Amino acid sequence: MDPASRARALRLAVFDVDGVFTDGRLIYSSAGEETKVFHVRDGLGIKRLQASGVEVAIISGRASDAVSLRMEELGVRHVFQGDHDKLPLFERLLGELGCSARQTAFMGDDLPDLSVMREVGLAACPADAVAAVAELCHWQARSCGGRGAVREFCEFVIQARSPGP
């Protein structure tokens, strides 16, 4: 099945954070505080995706207050952080939402994302994802993580789901 057909079936899009919403670098202040940089265009993509009827969730292996704040700003209600075993969280989320894995997309960039990406109807990644992830994906952005890859994916899904002529 082609990526656009997979996108038409979506009810839920799940995203990793580091390397997807961010460029994957970890920045610490001298006080030990972690800082993250988010691309504003990715945020608008998420808002547009939500408005199109697709629920959005985050599953990240790292816990970060910055992620909590940004997702709250974007109205993302399902945010799971700090657990590297993502598959049980994903399965719990599907149960909570009454959604099947086939109706779900996951955008990730590195090896911890593979367990979920193998299960979903549409696996996606940024341009700079590790090779094992890129090989598994149904759709790959031209943009790198933290540089608009999330927006690009959101626009692809919105376009695929919009009624054609």
C-alpha atoms as a PDB file:
ATOM      1  CA  MET A   1       0.000   0.000   0.000  1.00  0.00           C
ATOM      2  CA  ASP A   2       1.345   3.444  -0.871  1.00  0.00           C
ATOM      3  CA  PRO A   3       2.001   6.070   1.847  1.00  0.00           C
ATOM      4  CA  ALA A   4      -0.945   8.291   0.820  1.00  0.00           C
ATOM      5  CA  SER A   5      -3.378   5.366   1.153  1.00  0.00           C
ATOM      6  CA  ARG A   6      -1.914   4.609   4.563  1.00  0.00           C
ATOM      7  CA  ALA A   7      -2.338   8.276   5.569  1.00  0.00           C
ATOM      8  CA  ARG A   8      -6.019   8.287   4.572  1.00  0.00           C
ATOM      9  CA  ALA A   9      -6.755   5.655   7.237  1.00  0.00           C
ATOM     10  CA  LEU A  10      -5.142   7.633  10.101  1.00  0.00           C
ATOM     11  CA  ARG A  11      -6.908   8.555  13.309  1.00  0.00           C
ATOM     12  CA  LEU A  12      -3.753   8.997  15.409  1.00  0.00           C
ATOM     13  CA  ALA A  13      -0.235  10.335  14.779  1.00  0.00           C
ATOM     14  CA  VAL A  14       2.431   9.620  17.392  1.00  0.00           C
ATOM     15  CA  PHE A  15       5.799  11.365  17.459  1.00  0.00           C
ATOM     16  CA  ASP A  16       9.127  10.847  19.151  1.00  0.00           C
ATOM     17  CA  VAL A  17      10.704  14.143  20.280  1.00  0.00           C
ATOM     18  CA  ASP A  18      14.521  14.129  20.214  1.00  0.00           C
ATOM     19  CA  GLY A  19      15.656  13.906  16.603  1.00  0.00           C
ATOM     20  CA  VAL A  20      12.114  14.509  15.308  1.00  0.00           C
ATOM     21  CA  PHE A  21      10.789  17.708  16.919  1.00  0.00           C
ATOM     22  CA  THR A  22      14.379  18.672  17.759  1.00  0.00           C
ATOM     23  CA  ASP A  23      17.674  18.215  15.935  1.00  0.00           C
ATOM     24  CA  GLY A  24      18.647  15.577  18.478  1.00  0.00           C
ATOM     25  CA  ARG A  25      21.308  17.602  20.265  1.00  0.00           C
ATOM     26  CA  LEU A  26      21.148  17.827  24.047  1.00  0.00           C
ATOM     27  CA  ILE A  27      22.003  21.261  25.402  1.00  0.00           C
ATOM     28  CA  TYR A  28      22.695  21.770  29.108  1.00  0.00           C
ATOM     29  CA  SER A  29      23.149  25.039  30.976  1.00  0.00           C
ATOM     30  CA  SER A  30      25.969  25.376  33.515  1.00  0.00           C
ATOM     31  CA  ALA A  31      23.306  24.705  36.181  1.00  0.00           C
ATOM     32  CA  GLY A  32      22.531  21.364  34.520  1.00  0.00           C
ATOM     33  CA  GLU A  33      19.205  22.464  33.049  1.00  0.00           C
ATOM     34  CA  GLU A  34      18.327  20.810  29.740  1.00  0.00           C
ATOM     35  CA  THR A  35      17.192  23.074  26.904  1.00  0.00           C
ATOM     36  CA  LYS A  36      15.361  22.079  23.722  1.00  0.00           C
ATOM     37  CA  VAL A  37      14.774  24.048  20.551  1.00  0.00           C
ATOM     38  CA  PHE A  38      11.501  23.508  18.676  1.00  0.00           C
ATOM     39  CA  HIS A  39      10.720  24.757  15.168  1.00  0.00           C
ATOM     40  CA  VAL A  40       7.644  26.994  15.133  1.00  0.00           C
ATOM     41  CA  ARG A  41       6.536  25.566  11.771  1.00  0.00           C
ATOM     42  CA  ASP A  42       6.336  22.093  13.284  1.00  0.00           C
ATOM     43  CA  GLY A  43       3.954  23.488  15.884  1.00  0.00           C
ATOM     44  CA  LEU A  44       1.644  24.895  13.239  1.00  0.00           C
ATOM     45  CA  GLY A  45       1.769  21.556  11.445  1.00  0.00           C
ATOM     46  CA  ILE A  46       0.603  19.809  14.610  1.00  0.00           C
ATOM     47  CA  LYS A  47      -2.249  22.301  15.072  1.00  0.00           C
ATOM     48  CA  ARG A  48      -3.328  21.816  11.448  1.00  0.00           C
ATOM     49  CA  LEU A  49      -3.146  18.038  11.771  1.00  0.00           C
ATOM     50  CA  GLN A  50      -5.328  18.151  14.886  1.00  0.00           C
ATOM     51  CA  ALA A  51      -7.804  20.429  13.087  1.00  0.00           C
ATOM     52  CA  SER A  52      -8.014  17.861  10.273  1.00  0.00           C
ATOM     53  CA  GLY A  53      -9.304  15.291  12.774  1.00  0.00           C
ATOM     54  CA  VAL A  54      -6.122  13.379  13.590  1.00  0.00           C
ATOM     55  CA  GLU A  55      -5.330  12.910  17.296  1.00  0.00           C
ATOM     56  CA  VAL A  56      -1.686  13.624  18.204  1.00  0.00           C
ATOM     57  CA  ALA A  57       0.463  11.966  20.877  1.00  0.00           C
ATOM     58  CA  ILE A  58       4.085  11.994  22.034  1.00  0.00           C
ATOM     59  CA  ILE A  59       6.124   9.017  23.201  1.00  0.00           C
ATOM     60  CA  SER A  60       9.656  10.018  24.179  1.00  0.00           C
ATOM     61  CA  GLY A  61      12.315   8.042  26.005  1.00  0.00           C
ATOM     62  CA  ARG A  62      13.610  11.202  27.691  1.00  0.00           C
ATOM     63  CA  ALA A  63      11.613  13.239  30.185  1.00  0.00           C
ATOM     64  CA  SER A  64      11.742  17.000  29.767  1.00  0.00           C
ATOM     65  CA  ASP A  65       9.812  19.928  31.199  1.00  0.00           C
ATOM     66  CA  ALA A  66      10.367  21.753  27.905  1.00  0.00           C
ATOM     67  CA  VAL A  67       8.502  19.004  26.052  1.00  0.00           C
ATOM     68  CA  SER A  68       5.631  19.138  28.539  1.00  0.00           C
ATOM     69  CA  LEU A  69       5.350  22.908  28.106  1.00  0.00           C
ATOM     70  CA  ARG A  70       5.513  22.821  24.308  1.00  0.00           C
ATOM     71  CA  MET A  71       2.959  20.033  23.997  1.00  0.00           C
ATOM     72  CA  GLU A  72       0.628  21.816  26.397  1.00  0.00           C
ATOM     73  CA  GLU A  73       0.902  24.909  24.171  1.00  0.00           C
ATOM     74  CA  LEU A  74      -0.024  22.784  21.167  1.00  0.00           C
ATOM     75  CA  GLY A  75      -2.939  21.082  22.893  1.00  0.00           C
ATOM     76  CA  VAL A  76      -1.368  17.626  22.728  1.00  0.00           C
ATOM     77  CA  ARG A  77      -3.152  15.699  25.484  1.00  0.00           C
ATOM     78  CA  HIS A  78      -1.314  12.390  25.268  1.00  0.00           C
ATOM     79  CA  VAL A  79       2.313  12.883  26.306  1.00  0.00           C
ATOM     80  CA  PHE A  80       4.383   9.930  27.527  1.00  0.00           C
ATOM     81  CA  GLN A  81       7.971  10.648  28.583  1.00  0.00           C
ATOM     82  CA  GLY A  82      10.844   8.972  30.346  1.00  0.00           C
ATOM     83  CA  ASP A  83      10.337   5.339  29.325  1.00  0.00           C
ATOM     84  CA  HIS A  84      12.588   3.802  26.683  1.00  0.00           C
ATOM     85  CA  ASP A  85      10.266   0.823  26.191  1.00  0.00           C
ATOM     86  CA  LYS A  86       7.817   2.595  23.900  1.00  0.00           C
ATOM     87  CA  LEU A  87       5.713  -0.330  22.690  1.00  0.00           C
ATOM     88  CA  PRO A  88       3.744  -0.883  25.950  1.00  0.00           C
ATOM     89  CA  LEU A  89       2.978   2.857  26.088  1.00  0.00           C
ATOM     90  CA  PHE A  90       1.839   2.763  22.475  1.00  0.00           C
ATOM     91  CA  GLU A  91      -0.418  -0.231  23.138  1.00  0.00           C
ATOM     92  CA  ARG A  92      -1.881   1.510  26.196  1.00  0.00           C
ATOM     93  CA  LEU A  93      -2.562   4.621  24.109  1.00  0.00           C
ATOM     94  CA  LEU A  94      -4.361   2.575  21.448  1.00  0.00           C
ATOM     95  CA  GLY A  95      -6.542   1.049  24.159  1.00  0.00           C
ATOM     96  CA  GLU A  96      -7.367   4.436  25.664  1.00  0.00           C
ATOM     97  CA  LEU A  97      -8.329   5.886  22.292  1.00  0.00           C
ATOM     98  CA  GLY A  98     -10.018   2.792  20.868  1.00  0.00           C
ATOM     99  CA  CYS A  99      -7.767   2.986  17.864  1.00  0.00           C
ATOM    100  CA  SER A 100      -5.997   0.238  15.911  1.00  0.00           C
ATOM    101  CA  ALA A 101      -2.294   0.239  15.067  1.00  0.00           C
ATOM    102  CA  ARG A 102      -3.257   0.287  11.377  1.00  0.00           C
ATOM    103  CA  GLN A 103      -5.022   3.639  11.943  1.00  0.00           C
ATOM    104  CA  THR A 104      -1.867   5.094  13.477  1.00  0.00           C
ATOM    105  CA  ALA A 105       1.306   6.739  12.250  1.00  0.00           C
ATOM    106  CA  PHE A 106       4.560   6.982  14.168  1.00  0.00           C
ATOM    107  CA  MET A 107       7.395   9.364  13.308  1.00  0.00           C
ATOM    108  CA  GLY A 108      10.737   8.420  14.820  1.00  0.00           C
ATOM    109  CA  ASP A 109      14.412   8.695  14.021  1.00  0.00           C
ATOM    110  CA  ASP A 110      16.425   6.135  15.990  1.00  0.00           C
ATOM    111  CA  LEU A 111      16.581   2.518  17.149  1.00  0.00           C
ATOM    112  CA  PRO A 112      14.297   2.863  20.233  1.00  0.00           C
ATOM    113  CA  ASP A 113      11.486   3.829  17.838  1.00  0.00           C
ATOM    114  CA  LEU A 114      11.618   0.633  15.777  1.00  0.00           C
ATOM    115  CA  SER A 115       9.370  -1.479  18.032  1.00  0.00           C
ATOM    116  CA  VAL A 116       6.452   0.915  17.524  1.00  0.00           C
ATOM    117  CA  MET A 117       7.247   1.679  13.889  1.00  0.00           C
ATOM    118  CA  ARG A 118       6.958  -2.015  13.010  1.00  0.00           C
ATOM    119  CA  GLU A 119       3.360  -2.027  14.301  1.00  0.00           C
ATOM    120  CA  VAL A 120       1.822   1.089  12.761  1.00  0.00           C
ATOM    121  CA  GLY A 121      -0.017   1.627   9.508  1.00  0.00           C
ATOM    122  CA  LEU A 122       2.283   4.500   8.510  1.00  0.00           C
ATOM    123  CA  ALA A 123       5.899   4.668   9.700  1.00  0.00           C
ATOM    124  CA  ALA A 124       7.636   7.990   9.009  1.00  0.00           C
ATOM    125  CA  CYS A 125      11.000   9.576   9.735  1.00  0.00           C
ATOM    126  CA  PRO A 126      13.039  12.748   9.200  1.00  0.00           C
ATOM    127  CA  ALA A 127      15.651  12.898   6.434  1.00  0.00           C
ATOM    128  CA  ASP A 128      18.474  12.331   8.929  1.00  0.00           C
ATOM    129  CA  ALA A 129      17.032   9.227  10.634  1.00  0.00           C
ATOM    130  CA  VAL A 130      19.411   6.333  11.237  1.00  0.00           C
ATOM    131  CA  ALA A 131      19.568   3.819   8.389  1.00  0.00           C
ATOM    132  CA  ALA A 132      17.601   1.058  10.138  1.00  0.00           C
ATOM    133  CA  VAL A 133      14.695   3.450  10.714  1.00  0.00           C
ATOM    134  CA  ALA A 134      14.805   4.911   7.195  1.00  0.00           C
ATOM    135  CA  GLU A 135      14.745   1.421   5.690  1.00  0.00           C
ATOM    136  CA  LEU A 136      11.600   0.514   7.662  1.00  0.00           C
ATOM    137  CA  CYS A 137       9.689   3.716   6.898  1.00  0.00           C
ATOM    138  CA  HIS A 138       6.827   4.060   4.463  1.00  0.00           C
ATOM    139  CA  TRP A 139       7.469   7.820   4.207  1.00  0.00           C
ATOM    140  CA  GLN A 140      10.604   9.942   4.776  1.00  0.00           C
ATOM    141  CA  ALA A 141      10.742  13.739   5.029  1.00  0.00           C
ATOM    142  CA  ARG A 142      13.133  15.809   2.966  1.00  0.00           C
ATOM    143  CA  SER A 143      13.732  17.910   6.090  1.00  0.00           C
ATOM    144  CA  CYS A 144      15.860  16.879   9.053  1.00  0.00           C
ATOM    145  CA  GLY A 145      14.615  16.527  12.617  1.00  0.00           C
ATOM    146  CA  GLY A 146      14.088  19.918  14.265  1.00  0.00           C
ATOM    147  CA  ARG A 147      14.183  21.559  10.836  1.00  0.00           C
ATOM    148  CA  GLY A 148      10.593  21.145   9.685  1.00  0.00           C
ATOM    149  CA  ALA A 149      10.278  17.363   9.291  1.00  0.00           C
ATOM    150  CA  VAL A 150       7.202  17.267  11.537  1.00  0.00           C
ATOM    151  CA  ARG A 151       5.485  20.021   9.518  1.00  0.00           C
ATOM    152  CA  GLU A 152       6.324  18.256   6.286  1.00  0.00           C
ATOM    153  CA  PHE A 153       4.789  15.036   7.593  1.00  0.00           C
ATOM    154  CA  CYS A 154       1.668  16.812   8.870  1.00  0.00           C
ATOM    155  CA  GLU A 155       1.149  18.509   5.499  1.00  0.00           C
ATOM    156  CA  PHE A 156       1.578  15.169   3.705  1.00  0.00           C
ATOM    157  CA  VAL A 157      -1.088  13.545   5.903  1.00  0.00           C
ATOM    158  CA  ILE A 158      -3.489  16.491   5.591  1.00  0.00           C
ATOM    159  CA  GLN A 159      -3.158  16.490   1.815  1.00  0.00           C
ATOM    160  CA  ALA A 160      -3.606  12.710   1.571  1.00  0.00           C
ATOM    161  CA  ARG A 161      -6.742  12.864   3.746  1.00  0.00           C
ATOM    162  CA  SER A 162      -8.365  15.797   1.936  1.00  0.00           C
ATOM    163  CA  PRO A 163     -11.092  14.942  -0.563  1.00  0.00           C
ATOM    164  CA  GLY A 164      -9.786  15.003  -4.082  1.00  0.00           C
ATOM    165  CA  PRO A 165     -11.380  16.522  -7.179  1.00  0.00           C
END
